[in-house]
C-alpha atoms as a PDB file:
ATOM      1  CA  MET A   1       3.008  13.795  -7.507  1.00  0.00           C
ATOM      2  CA  SER A   2       1.587  10.857  -5.679  1.00  0.00           C
ATOM      3  CA  ALA A   3      -1.584  10.204  -3.458  1.00  0.00           C
ATOM      4  CA  ASP A   4       0.398   9.579  -0.323  1.00  0.00           C
ATOM      5  CA  LEU A   5       2.452  12.902  -0.860  1.00  0.00           C
ATOM      6  CA  THR A   6      -0.224  15.365  -1.682  1.00  0.00           C
ATOM      7  CA  PRO A   7      -2.048  16.736   1.425  1.00  0.00           C
ATOM      8  CA  THR A   8      -5.199  18.690   1.225  1.00  0.00           C
ATOM      9  CA  TYR A   9      -6.595  20.646   4.157  1.00  0.00           C
ATOM     10  CA  THR A  10     -10.033  21.417   5.399  1.00  0.00           C
ATOM     11  CA  GLU A  11     -10.732  24.838   6.390  1.00  0.00           C
ATOM     12  CA  LYS A  12     -11.231  24.114  10.084  1.00  0.00           C
ATOM     13  CA  GLY A  13      -8.162  22.726  11.815  1.00  0.00           C
ATOM     14  CA  LYS A  14      -6.316  22.059   8.756  1.00  0.00           C
ATOM     15  CA  ALA A  15      -6.819  18.364   9.091  1.00  0.00           C
ATOM     16  CA  PHE A  16      -5.122  15.851   6.326  1.00  0.00           C
ATOM     17  CA  GLU A  17      -8.071  14.487   3.923  1.00  0.00           C
ATOM     18  CA  ARG A  18      -6.884  11.750   1.320  1.00  0.00           C
ATOM     19  CA  ASP A  19      -8.101  12.161  -2.034  1.00  0.00           C
ATOM     20  CA  MET A  20      -9.592   8.504  -2.748  1.00  0.00           C
ATOM     21  CA  ASP A  21     -10.964   9.426  -6.218  1.00  0.00           C
ATOM     22  CA  TYR A  22      -8.938   6.931  -8.456  1.00  0.00           C
ATOM     23  CA  VAL A  23      -9.258   5.738 -12.046  1.00  0.00           C
ATOM     24  CA  PRO A  24     -11.990   2.857 -11.042  1.00  0.00           C
ATOM     25  CA  ASP A  25     -11.711   0.411 -13.823  1.00  0.00           C
ATOM     26  CA  ARG A  26     -11.458  -3.408 -12.844  1.00  0.00           C
ATOM     27  CA  ILE A  27      -9.950  -6.375 -14.342  1.00  0.00           C
ATOM     28  CA  LEU A  28     -12.200  -9.257 -14.128  1.00  0.00           C
ATOM     29  CA  ALA A  29     -12.621 -12.706 -14.780  1.00  0.00           C
ATOM     30  CA  GLY A  30     -15.993 -11.991 -16.383  1.00  0.00           C
ATOM     31  CA  GLU A  31     -18.048  -9.125 -17.488  1.00  0.00           C
ATOM     32  CA  ARG A  32     -18.932  -8.333 -13.920  1.00  0.00           C
ATOM     33  CA  SER A  33     -17.354 -10.160 -10.701  1.00  0.00           C
ATOM     34  CA  GLN A  34     -19.847 -12.864  -9.741  1.00  0.00           C
ATOM     35  CA  ASP A  35     -18.056 -13.242  -6.006  1.00  0.00           C
ATOM     36  CA  PRO A  36     -20.699 -12.113  -3.567  1.00  0.00           C
ATOM     37  CA  HIS A  37     -18.081 -10.423  -1.581  1.00  0.00           C
ATOM     38  CA  ASP A  38     -17.593  -7.698  -4.053  1.00  0.00           C
ATOM     39  CA  ASP A  39     -20.615  -5.959  -2.850  1.00  0.00           C
ATOM     40  CA  LEU A  40     -19.316  -6.391   0.694  1.00  0.00           C
ATOM     41  CA  HIS A  41     -15.931  -4.653  -0.520  1.00  0.00           C
ATOM     42  CA  ALA A  42     -17.806  -2.284  -2.506  1.00  0.00           C
ATOM     43  CA  GLU A  43     -19.344  -0.660   0.982  1.00  0.00           C
ATOM     44  CA  GLN A  44     -15.884   0.182   1.883  1.00  0.00           C
ATOM     45  CA  TYR A  45     -14.242   1.342  -1.334  1.00  0.00           C
ATOM     46  CA  GLY A  46     -17.141   2.314  -3.742  1.00  0.00           C
ATOM     47  CA  GLY A  47     -17.597  -0.995  -5.802  1.00  0.00           C
ATOM     48  CA  VAL A  48     -18.095  -0.963  -9.520  1.00  0.00           C
ATOM     49  CA  ARG A  49     -19.616   2.565 -10.100  1.00  0.00           C
ATOM     50  CA  GLU A  50     -21.083   3.918 -13.408  1.00  0.00           C
ATOM     51  CA  GLY A  51     -18.870   4.486 -16.218  1.00  0.00           C
ATOM     52  CA  VAL A  52     -16.621   1.850 -15.256  1.00  0.00           C
ATOM     53  CA  ARG A  53     -14.730  -0.033 -17.932  1.00  0.00           C
ATOM     54  CA  VAL A  54     -14.143  -3.759 -17.337  1.00  0.00           C
ATOM     55  CA  TRP A  55     -10.684  -5.037 -18.753  1.00  0.00           C
ATOM     56  CA  PRO A  56     -10.342  -8.971 -19.126  1.00  0.00           C
ATOM     57  CA  VAL A  57      -8.108 -11.128 -17.005  1.00  0.00           C
ATOM     58  CA  GLU A  58      -5.239 -12.001 -19.532  1.00  0.00           C
ATOM     59  CA  PRO A  59      -1.842 -13.096 -18.553  1.00  0.00           C
ATOM     60  CA  GLY A  60       0.949 -11.104 -20.164  1.00  0.00           C
ATOM     61  CA  ARG A  61      -1.484  -8.358 -20.835  1.00  0.00           C
ATOM     62  CA  TYR A  62      -0.787  -6.053 -17.791  1.00  0.00           C
ATOM     63  CA  ARG A  63       2.256  -4.585 -15.961  1.00  0.00           C
ATOM     64  CA  LEU A  64       2.104  -3.623 -12.479  1.00  0.00           C
ATOM     65  CA  VAL A  65       3.999  -0.533 -11.715  1.00  0.00           C
ATOM     66  CA  ALA A  66       4.700  -0.343  -7.981  1.00  0.00           C
ATOM     67  CA  ALA A  67       7.193   1.559  -6.232  1.00  0.00           C
ATOM     68  CA  PRO A  68       8.679  -0.193  -3.338  1.00  0.00           C
ATOM     69  CA  ALA A  69       8.986   2.779  -1.479  1.00  0.00           C
ATOM     70  CA  CYS A  70       5.343   3.461  -1.275  1.00  0.00           C
ATOM     71  CA  PRO A  71       3.156   1.780   1.169  1.00  0.00           C
ATOM     72  CA  TRP A  72       0.224   1.370  -0.883  1.00  0.00           C
ATOM     73  CA  ALA A  73       2.260   0.049  -3.707  1.00  0.00           C
ATOM     74  CA  ASN A  74       4.087  -2.224  -1.468  1.00  0.00           C
ATOM     75  CA  ARG A  75       0.721  -4.062  -0.633  1.00  0.00           C
ATOM     76  CA  SER A  76       0.281  -4.917  -4.364  1.00  0.00           C
ATOM     77  CA  LEU A  77       4.071  -6.167  -4.584  1.00  0.00           C
ATOM     78  CA  ILE A  78       3.601  -8.596  -1.584  1.00  0.00           C
ATOM     79  CA  VAL A  79      -0.012  -9.822  -2.693  1.00  0.00           C
ATOM     80  CA  ARG A  80       1.643 -10.716  -6.117  1.00  0.00           C
ATOM     81  CA  GLU A  81       4.346 -12.597  -4.493  1.00  0.00           C
ATOM     82  CA  LEU A  82       2.092 -14.531  -2.047  1.00  0.00           C
ATOM     83  CA  LEU A  83      -0.258 -15.475  -5.184  1.00  0.00           C
ATOM     84  CA  GLY A  84       2.498 -16.504  -7.156  1.00  0.00           C
ATOM     85  CA  LEU A  85       1.598 -14.242  -9.990  1.00  0.00           C
ATOM     86  CA  GLN A  86       5.129 -13.170 -11.110  1.00  0.00           C
ATOM     87  CA  ASP A  87       5.046 -14.679 -14.485  1.00  0.00           C
ATOM     88  CA  VAL A  88       1.480 -13.715 -15.122  1.00  0.00           C
ATOM     89  CA  ILE A  89       1.602 -10.073 -14.251  1.00  0.00           C
ATOM     90  CA  SER A  90       5.104  -8.294 -14.777  1.00  0.00           C
ATOM     91  CA  VAL A  91       6.380  -5.516 -12.666  1.00  0.00           C
ATOM     92  CA  GLY A  92       7.752  -2.207 -13.113  1.00  0.00           C
ATOM     93  CA  LEU A  93       9.765  -0.587 -10.102  1.00  0.00           C
ATOM     94  CA  PRO A  94      10.011   3.243 -10.180  1.00  0.00           C
ATOM     95  CA  GLY A  95      12.581   4.757  -8.163  1.00  0.00           C
ATOM     96  CA  PRO A  96      11.970   6.414  -4.787  1.00  0.00           C
ATOM     97  CA  VAL A  97      12.497  10.087  -5.415  1.00  0.00           C
ATOM     98  CA  HIS A  98      10.364  11.989  -8.130  1.00  0.00           C
ATOM     99  CA  ASP A  99       9.565  15.348  -9.090  1.00  0.00           C
ATOM    100  CA  LYS A 100       6.069  17.084  -8.860  1.00  0.00           C
ATOM    101  CA  ARG A 101       5.354  15.565 -12.411  1.00  0.00           C
ATOM    102  CA  SER A 102       5.697  11.895 -11.829  1.00  0.00           C
ATOM    103  CA  TRP A 103       7.051   8.765 -10.415  1.00  0.00           C
ATOM    104  CA  THR A 104      10.301   7.851 -12.596  1.00  0.00           C
ATOM    105  CA  PHE A 105      12.202   4.870 -13.705  1.00  0.00           C
ATOM    106  CA  ASP A 106      15.629   6.191 -12.936  1.00  0.00           C
ATOM    107  CA  ARG A 107      17.136   2.995 -11.552  1.00  0.00           C
ATOM    108  CA  ASP A 108      16.349   1.132 -14.629  1.00  0.00           C
ATOM    109  CA  PRO A 109      19.021   1.161 -17.318  1.00  0.00           C
ATOM    110  CA  GLY A 110      18.641   4.304 -19.393  1.00  0.00           C
ATOM    111  CA  GLY A 111      16.212   5.550 -17.127  1.00  0.00           C
ATOM    112  CA  LYS A 112      13.334   3.906 -18.855  1.00  0.00           C
ATOM    113  CA  ASP A 113      10.958   0.912 -17.812  1.00  0.00           C
ATOM    114  CA  PRO A 114      12.301  -1.961 -20.090  1.00  0.00           C
ATOM    115  CA  VAL A 115       8.790  -3.073 -20.838  1.00  0.00           C
ATOM    116  CA  LEU A 116       7.009   0.150 -21.538  1.00  0.00           C
ATOM    117  CA  GLY A 117       9.699   2.130 -22.692  1.00  0.00           C
ATOM    118  CA  MET A 118       8.485   5.335 -20.581  1.00  0.00           C
ATOM    119  CA  GLU A 119      10.850   7.457 -18.307  1.00  0.00           C
ATOM    120  CA  ARG A 120       7.889   8.496 -16.565  1.00  0.00           C
ATOM    121  CA  LEU A 121       4.575   6.859 -15.329  1.00  0.00           C
ATOM    122  CA  GLN A 122       2.848   9.859 -16.334  1.00  0.00           C
ATOM    123  CA  GLU A 123       3.059   8.850 -19.859  1.00  0.00           C
ATOM    124  CA  ALA A 124       0.750   5.999 -19.332  1.00  0.00           C
ATOM    125  CA  TYR A 125      -1.711   8.448 -17.607  1.00  0.00           C
ATOM    126  CA  LEU A 126      -1.705  10.632 -20.308  1.00  0.00           C
ATOM    127  CA  ASN A 127      -1.695   7.849 -22.865  1.00  0.00           C
ATOM    128  CA  ARG A 128      -5.084   7.088 -21.474  1.00  0.00           C
ATOM    129  CA  PHE A 129      -6.531  10.566 -20.467  1.00  0.00           C
ATOM    130  CA  PRO A 130      -4.454  13.331 -22.266  1.00  0.00           C
ATOM    131  CA  ASP A 131      -5.520  16.154 -19.932  1.00  0.00           C
ATOM    132  CA  TYR A 132      -5.422  13.866 -16.783  1.00  0.00           C
ATOM    133  CA  PRO A 133      -5.455  16.426 -13.843  1.00  0.00           C
ATOM    134  CA  LYS A 134      -4.475  14.610 -10.893  1.00  0.00           C
ATOM    135  CA  GLY A 135      -1.683  13.333  -8.948  1.00  0.00           C
ATOM    136  CA  ILE A 136       0.299  10.215 -10.714  1.00  0.00           C
ATOM    137  CA  THR A 137      -0.237   7.448  -8.240  1.00  0.00           C
ATOM    138  CA  VAL A 138       1.313   3.977  -7.849  1.00  0.00           C
ATOM    139  CA  PRO A 139       0.585   1.220  -7.725  1.00  0.00           C
ATOM    140  CA  ALA A 140      -1.000   1.629 -11.232  1.00  0.00           C
ATOM    141  CA  MET A 141      -2.144  -1.524 -13.734  1.00  0.00           C
ATOM    142  CA  VAL A 142      -0.749  -0.523 -17.165  1.00  0.00           C
ATOM    143  CA  GLU A 143      -1.715  -2.291 -20.282  1.00  0.00           C
ATOM    144  CA  VAL A 144       1.633  -3.396 -22.130  1.00  0.00           C
ATOM    145  CA  GLU A 145       0.531  -2.992 -25.733  1.00  0.00           C
ATOM    146  CA  SER A 146      -1.236   0.286 -25.730  1.00  0.00           C
ATOM    147  CA  ARG A 147       1.102   1.659 -22.699  1.00  0.00           C
ATOM    148  CA  GLN A 148      -2.250   2.881 -21.141  1.00  0.00           C
ATOM    149  CA  LEU A 149      -3.225   3.270 -17.658  1.00  0.00           C
ATOM    150  CA  VAL A 150      -5.894   0.734 -16.628  1.00  0.00           C
ATOM    151  CA  THR A 151      -6.647   1.389 -12.680  1.00  0.00           C
ATOM    152  CA  ASN A 152      -4.585   3.097  -9.976  1.00  0.00           C
ATOM    153  CA  ASP A 153      -7.596   2.137  -7.636  1.00  0.00           C
ATOM    154  CA  PHE A 154      -5.088   0.570  -4.852  1.00  0.00           C
ATOM    155  CA  PRO A 155      -7.789  -1.254  -2.595  1.00  0.00           C
ATOM    156  CA  TRP A 156      -9.302  -2.917  -5.674  1.00  0.00           C
ATOM    157  CA  ILE A 157      -6.003  -3.920  -7.276  1.00  0.00           C
ATOM    158  CA  THR A 158      -4.906  -6.290  -4.294  1.00  0.00           C
ATOM    159  CA  HIS A 159      -8.732  -7.459  -3.872  1.00  0.00           C
ATOM    160  CA  ASP A 160      -8.697  -8.336  -7.763  1.00  0.00           C
ATOM    161  CA  LEU A 161      -5.402 -10.201  -7.754  1.00  0.00           C
ATOM    162  CA  PHE A 162      -7.061 -12.462  -5.357  1.00  0.00           C
ATOM    163  CA  PHE A 163     -10.565 -12.828  -6.524  1.00  0.00           C
ATOM    164  CA  GLU A 164     -10.356 -12.644 -10.229  1.00  0.00           C
ATOM    165  CA  TRP A 165      -6.869 -13.968 -11.126  1.00  0.00           C
ATOM    166  CA  ARG A 166      -7.567 -17.138  -9.131  1.00  0.00           C
ATOM    167  CA  ASP A 167      -7.134 -19.541 -12.171  1.00  0.00           C
ATOM    168  CA  HIS A 168      -3.481 -18.458 -12.139  1.00  0.00           C
ATOM    169  CA  HIS A 169      -2.502 -18.380  -8.596  1.00  0.00           C
ATOM    170  CA  ARG A 170       0.319 -20.795  -7.455  1.00  0.00           C
ATOM    171  CA  GLU A 171      -0.530 -24.238  -6.060  1.00  0.00           C
ATOM    172  CA  GLY A 172      -0.744 -23.766  -2.371  1.00  0.00           C
ATOM    173  CA  ALA A 173      -1.255 -20.034  -2.370  1.00  0.00           C
ATOM    174  CA  PRO A 174      -3.115 -18.405   0.689  1.00  0.00           C
ATOM    175  CA  ASP A 175      -6.511 -17.713   1.216  1.00  0.00           C
ATOM    176  CA  LEU A 176      -6.163 -14.001   2.024  1.00  0.00           C
ATOM    177  CA  TRP A 177      -9.921 -13.459   1.974  1.00  0.00           C
ATOM    178  CA  PRO A 178     -11.293 -16.406   4.033  1.00  0.00           C
ATOM    179  CA  GLU A 179     -15.121 -16.835   3.619  1.00  0.00           C
ATOM    180  CA  ASP A 180     -15.760 -17.304   7.185  1.00  0.00           C
ATOM    181  CA  VAL A 181     -14.318 -14.153   8.629  1.00  0.00           C
ATOM    182  CA  ARG A 182     -14.601 -11.663   5.317  1.00  0.00           C
ATOM    183  CA  GLU A 183     -17.386  -9.348   6.820  1.00  0.00           C
ATOM    184  CA  GLU A 184     -15.280  -8.976  10.196  1.00  0.00           C
ATOM    185  CA  MET A 185     -12.104  -8.796   8.139  1.00  0.00           C
ATOM    186  CA  GLU A 186     -13.767  -5.579   6.110  1.00  0.00           C
ATOM    187  CA  THR A 187     -14.376  -4.083   9.557  1.00  0.00           C
ATOM    188  CA  VAL A 188     -11.052  -4.652  10.973  1.00  0.00           C
ATOM    189  CA  MET A 189      -9.557  -3.383   7.524  1.00  0.00           C
ATOM    190  CA  LYS A 190     -11.629  -0.550   7.440  1.00  0.00           C
ATOM    191  CA  ARG A 191     -10.114   0.615  11.140  1.00  0.00           C
ATOM    192  CA  VAL A 192      -6.657  -0.096  10.294  1.00  0.00           C
ATOM    193  CA  PHE A 193      -7.009   2.031   6.973  1.00  0.00           C
ATOM    194  CA  THR A 194      -8.482   5.052   8.451  1.00  0.00           C
ATOM    195  CA  GLU A 195      -6.891   4.949  11.785  1.00  0.00           C
ATOM    196  CA  VAL A 196      -3.449   3.507  11.136  1.00  0.00           C
ATOM    197  CA  ASN A 197      -2.506   3.528   7.289  1.00  0.00           C
ATOM    198  CA  ASN A 198      -3.979   6.806   6.921  1.00  0.00           C
ATOM    199  CA  GLY A 199      -3.426   7.924  10.542  1.00  0.00           C
ATOM    200  CA  VAL A 200      -0.050   8.510  10.367  1.00  0.00           C
ATOM    201  CA  TYR A 201      -0.484  10.583   7.360  1.00  0.00           C
ATOM    202  CA  ARG A 202      -2.902  12.895   9.338  1.00  0.00           C
ATOM    203  CA  CYS A 203      -0.240  13.331  12.163  1.00  0.00           C
ATOM    204  CA  GLY A 204       2.501  14.254   9.466  1.00  0.00           C
ATOM    205  CA  PHE A 205       0.515  16.291   7.285  1.00  0.00           C
ATOM    206  CA  ALA A 206      -1.627  18.115   9.967  1.00  0.00           C
ATOM    207  CA  GLY A 207      -1.722  21.755   9.413  1.00  0.00           C
ATOM    208  CA  SER A 208      -2.305  22.828  12.962  1.00  0.00           C
ATOM    209  CA  GLN A 209      -1.787  21.966  16.457  1.00  0.00           C
ATOM    210  CA  GLU A 210      -5.397  20.888  16.973  1.00  0.00           C
ATOM    211  CA  ALA A 211      -5.324  18.796  13.940  1.00  0.00           C
ATOM    212  CA  TYR A 212      -2.036  16.784  14.812  1.00  0.00           C
ATOM    213  CA  ASP A 213      -3.246  16.323  18.403  1.00  0.00           C
ATOM    214  CA  ASP A 214      -6.340  14.795  17.371  1.00  0.00           C
ATOM    215  CA  ALA A 215      -4.646  12.524  14.647  1.00  0.00           C
ATOM    216  CA  TYR A 216      -2.135  11.532  17.213  1.00  0.00           C
ATOM    217  CA  ASP A 217      -4.649  10.427  19.839  1.00  0.00           C
ATOM    218  CA  ARG A 218      -6.652   8.398  17.125  1.00  0.00           C
ATOM    219  CA  LEU A 219      -3.698   6.722  15.836  1.00  0.00           C
ATOM    220  CA  TRP A 220      -2.568   5.459  19.382  1.00  0.00           C
ATOM    221  CA  THR A 221      -5.814   4.457  20.319  1.00  0.00           C
ATOM    222  CA  ALA A 222      -5.970   2.156  17.176  1.00  0.00           C
ATOM    223  CA  MET A 223      -2.290   1.013  17.937  1.00  0.00           C
ATOM    224  CA  ASP A 224      -2.917  -0.115  21.525  1.00  0.00           C
ATOM    225  CA  TRP A 225      -5.904  -1.874  19.984  1.00  0.00           C
ATOM    226  CA  LEU A 226      -3.948  -3.662  17.728  1.00  0.00           C
ATOM    227  CA  GLU A 227      -1.349  -4.599  20.383  1.00  0.00           C
ATOM    228  CA  GLU A 228      -4.182  -6.099  22.351  1.00  0.00           C
ATOM    229  CA  ARG A 229      -5.713  -7.994  19.389  1.00  0.00           C
ATOM    230  CA  LEU A 230      -2.339  -9.485  18.637  1.00  0.00           C
ATOM    231  CA  ALA A 231      -1.461 -10.668  22.065  1.00  0.00           C
ATOM    232  CA  ASP A 232      -3.382 -14.124  21.664  1.00  0.00           C
ATOM    233  CA  ARG A 233      -3.616 -14.364  18.140  1.00  0.00           C
ATOM    234  CA  ARG A 234      -0.609 -14.960  15.420  1.00  0.00           C
ATOM    235  CA  TYR A 235      -2.604 -12.812  12.683  1.00  0.00           C
ATOM    236  CA  LEU A 236      -5.164 -10.415  12.603  1.00  0.00           C
ATOM    237  CA  MET A 237      -7.973 -12.781  11.523  1.00  0.00           C
ATOM    238  CA  GLY A 238      -6.364 -15.892  13.589  1.00  0.00           C
ATOM    239  CA  ASP A 239      -3.932 -18.501  12.432  1.00  0.00           C
ATOM    240  CA  SER A 240      -3.711 -17.513   8.799  1.00  0.00           C
ATOM    241  CA  ILE A 241      -2.342 -14.474   6.923  1.00  0.00           C
ATOM    242  CA  THR A 242      -4.894 -12.445   5.180  1.00  0.00           C
ATOM    243  CA  GLU A 243      -5.371  -9.393   3.317  1.00  0.00           C
ATOM    244  CA  ALA A 244      -5.711  -7.369   6.364  1.00  0.00           C
ATOM    245  CA  ASP A 245      -2.064  -8.542   7.511  1.00  0.00           C
ATOM    246  CA  VAL A 246      -0.809  -7.273   4.107  1.00  0.00           C
ATOM    247  CA  ARG A 247      -2.363  -4.068   4.600  1.00  0.00           C
ATOM    248  CA  LEU A 248      -1.085  -3.315   8.287  1.00  0.00           C
ATOM    249  CA  PHE A 249       2.361  -4.703   7.511  1.00  0.00           C
ATOM    250  CA  THR A 250       3.114  -1.859   5.010  1.00  0.00           C
ATOM    251  CA  THR A 251       2.695   0.792   7.647  1.00  0.00           C
ATOM    252  CA  LEU A 252       4.285  -1.083  10.374  1.00  0.00           C
ATOM    253  CA  VAL A 253       7.515  -1.676   8.476  1.00  0.00           C
ATOM    254  CA  ARG A 254       7.935   2.056   7.903  1.00  0.00           C
ATOM    255  CA  PHE A 255       6.869   2.969  11.286  1.00  0.00           C
ATOM    256  CA  ASP A 256      10.535   3.298  13.047  1.00  0.00           C
ATOM    257  CA  PRO A 257      12.339   4.086   9.993  1.00  0.00           C
ATOM    258  CA  VAL A 258      10.109   6.903   9.133  1.00  0.00           C
ATOM    259  CA  TYR A 259       6.808   7.764  10.736  1.00  0.00           C
ATOM    260  CA  HIS A 260       8.156   7.927  14.387  1.00  0.00           C
ATOM    261  CA  GLY A 261      10.334  10.834  13.808  1.00  0.00           C
ATOM    262  CA  HIS A 262       9.446  12.194  10.236  1.00  0.00           C
ATOM    263  CA  PHE A 263       5.590  12.233  10.826  1.00  0.00           C
ATOM    264  CA  LYS A 264       5.926  12.683  14.718  1.00  0.00           C
ATOM    265  CA  CYS A 265       4.001   9.533  15.628  1.00  0.00           C
ATOM    266  CA  ASN A 266       6.471   9.506  18.381  1.00  0.00           C
ATOM    267  CA  ARG A 267       4.924   8.101  21.392  1.00  0.00           C
ATOM    268  CA  ASN A 268       6.726   5.100  21.365  1.00  0.00           C
ATOM    269  CA  LYS A 269       8.631   3.113  18.723  1.00  0.00           C
ATOM    270  CA  LEU A 270       7.355  -0.022  17.171  1.00  0.00           C
ATOM    271  CA  THR A 271       9.904  -2.174  18.625  1.00  0.00           C
ATOM    272  CA  GLU A 272       8.462  -1.021  22.062  1.00  0.00           C
ATOM    273  CA  MET A 273       5.129  -2.789  21.594  1.00  0.00           C
ATOM    274  CA  PRO A 274       6.156  -6.555  21.957  1.00  0.00           C
ATOM    275  CA  HIS A 275       3.095  -8.328  20.171  1.00  0.00           C
ATOM    276  CA  LEU A 276       2.944  -5.652  17.172  1.00  0.00           C
ATOM    277  CA  TRP A 277       6.778  -5.785  16.906  1.00  0.00           C
ATOM    278  CA  GLY A 278       6.819  -9.771  16.867  1.00  0.00           C
ATOM    279  CA  TYR A 279       4.059  -9.631  14.629  1.00  0.00           C
ATOM    280  CA  ALA A 280       5.831  -7.426  12.397  1.00  0.00           C
ATOM    281  CA  ARG A 281       8.894  -9.413  12.552  1.00  0.00           C
ATOM    282  CA  ASP A 282       6.741 -12.752  11.871  1.00  0.00           C
ATOM    283  CA  LEU A 283       5.398 -11.148   8.697  1.00  0.00           C
ATOM    284  CA  PHE A 284       8.875  -9.700   7.452  1.00  0.00           C
ATOM    285  CA  GLN A 285      10.125 -13.230   7.689  1.00  0.00           C
ATOM    286  CA  THR A 286       7.313 -14.857   5.719  1.00  0.00           C
ATOM    287  CA  PRO A 287       8.155 -15.359   1.810  1.00  0.00           C
ATOM    288  CA  GLY A 288       6.636 -12.675  -0.106  1.00  0.00           C
ATOM    289  CA  PHE A 289       6.794 -10.048   2.681  1.00  0.00           C
ATOM    290  CA  GLY A 290      10.606  -8.839   3.520  1.00  0.00           C
ATOM    291  CA  GLU A 291      11.851  -9.300  -0.053  1.00  0.00           C
ATOM    292  CA  THR A 292       9.544  -6.341  -0.963  1.00  0.00           C
ATOM    293  CA  VAL A 293      10.841  -4.110   1.526  1.00  0.00           C
ATOM    294  CA  ASP A 294      13.798  -1.825   0.544  1.00  0.00           C
ATOM    295  CA  PHE A 295      14.490   0.363   3.784  1.00  0.00           C
ATOM    296  CA  GLU A 296      16.758   2.646   1.631  1.00  0.00           C
ATOM    297  CA  GLN A 297      14.476   3.317  -0.870  1.00  0.00           C
ATOM    298  CA  ILE A 298      11.505   4.014   2.005  1.00  0.00           C
ATOM    299  CA  LYS A 299      13.773   6.409   3.827  1.00  0.00           C
ATOM    300  CA  ALA A 300      14.779   8.267   0.482  1.00  0.00           C
ATOM    301  CA  HIS A 301      11.373   8.677  -0.633  1.00  0.00           C
ATOM    302  CA  TYR A 302       9.856  10.246   2.684  1.00  0.00           C
ATOM    303  CA  TYR A 303      12.909  12.525   3.558  1.00  0.00           C
ATOM    304  CA  VAL A 304      13.769  13.738   0.286  1.00  0.00           C
ATOM    305  CA  VAL A 305      10.322  14.363  -1.388  1.00  0.00           C
ATOM    306  CA  HIS A 306       8.659  15.821   1.413  1.00  0.00           C
ATOM    307  CA  THR A 307      10.665  18.977   1.471  1.00  0.00           C
ATOM    308  CA  ASP A 308       7.686  20.922   3.070  1.00  0.00           C
ATOM    309  CA  ILE A 309       8.161  18.571   6.437  1.00  0.00           C
ATOM    310  CA  ASN A 310      12.010  17.914   5.905  1.00  0.00           C
ATOM    311  CA  PRO A 311      13.514  20.780   3.986  1.00  0.00           C
ATOM    312  CA  THR A 312      17.107  20.053   4.166  1.00  0.00           C
ATOM    313  CA  GLY A 313      16.446  16.419   2.331  1.00  0.00           C
ATOM    314  CA  ILE A 314      18.917  15.150   4.909  1.00  0.00           C
ATOM    315  CA  VAL A 315      18.214  11.239   5.243  1.00  0.00           C
ATOM    316  CA  PRO A 316      18.773   9.758   8.552  1.00  0.00           C
ATOM    317  CA  LYS A 317      21.214   6.832   9.178  1.00  0.00           C
ATOM    318  CA  GLY A 318      19.021   4.897  11.615  1.00  0.00           C
ATOM    319  CA  PRO A 319      17.421   3.117  13.034  1.00  0.00           C
ATOM    320  CA  GLU A 320      19.179  -0.275  13.208  1.00  0.00           C
ATOM    321  CA  LEU A 321      17.450  -2.572  10.921  1.00  0.00           C
ATOM    322  CA  ASP A 322      19.028  -6.106  11.717  1.00  0.00           C
ATOM    323  CA  SER A 323      16.680  -6.960  14.411  1.00  0.00           C
ATOM    324  CA  TRP A 324      13.889  -7.633  11.770  1.00  0.00           C
ATOM    325  CA  HIS A 325      15.548 -10.855  11.335  1.00  0.00           C
ATOM    326  CA  THR A 326      15.595 -12.035  14.937  1.00  0.00           C
ATOM    327  CA  PRO A 327      13.345 -14.618  16.151  1.00  0.00           C
ATOM    328  CA  HIS A 328       9.893 -13.666  16.831  1.00  0.00           C
ATOM    329  CA  GLY A 329       8.356 -16.542  18.602  1.00  0.00           C
ATOM    330  CA  ARG A 330       4.982 -16.059  17.270  1.00  0.00           C
ATOM    331  CA  GLU A 331       4.597 -19.695  16.135  1.00  0.00           C
ATOM    332  CA  ALA A 332       3.459 -20.531  19.667  1.00  0.00           C
ATOM    333  CA  LEU A 333       0.163 -18.691  19.032  1.00  0.00           C
END
């Protein structure tokens, strides 16, 4: 199972609720992160809680397992590329279609991850927690030698790739968390997460008309807010790419191929919102973004795995995708 596949419902209105209880371990440059921003981010995502194990930053020790089909995993692939951590943290790429047990490495030779030697990501979870009761989610950081899960806490994985692995960033790596806008950026990211990243899932997994209508209205209120915000600035926080852009992009790039139809987010297409569409193309054409996107895997993941929404398993041929490479004109901003 995957966190982005398994809906839970409240009794009243059957609204989708995401389970955010992940393995909260951290990979830190010191025993405890000394960056003052850590506490600010903790307000949004739980911080360093009791019983959390701290693992040391060590090149080559960990493997990032991240299915390109999954938007939460796609974030980590983009940040790894932007920061130049390819030679420091290896990557395993599960295929897009899995069963109820786990993501699998069915696209690797022999159906096994070439470094971890396992067929299912589930093995890394069970190596750490033999009775692990929850869904097997990506992204996941796995210790190579022990073949054990370290953490699957996706908001902290990308946060720590920036703050804790800074000694290993490539020369000229972008400042994804500019100090002068961090507080505002956390507010923007919170709204993006609750209303857009998670909002499309609230639409798709709504268990009643009332829950769907509420989710739909909330999503499009946020999309209109983003369209307006991006009318006079190139990126969410101004003139440079930040983590906020990474987090929004992975939803936008899936919007027309999946969320518009499959999740009934169909007021209009992304391509019909000029500022958001130009912004999404701008990011897609930026090194580190587009090369992590696999539209074939994205569509296979949603349309095949979500049998409750699409019982036939038929994967649509559209939409047309060549326009992602057309000029965006955002340089003028």
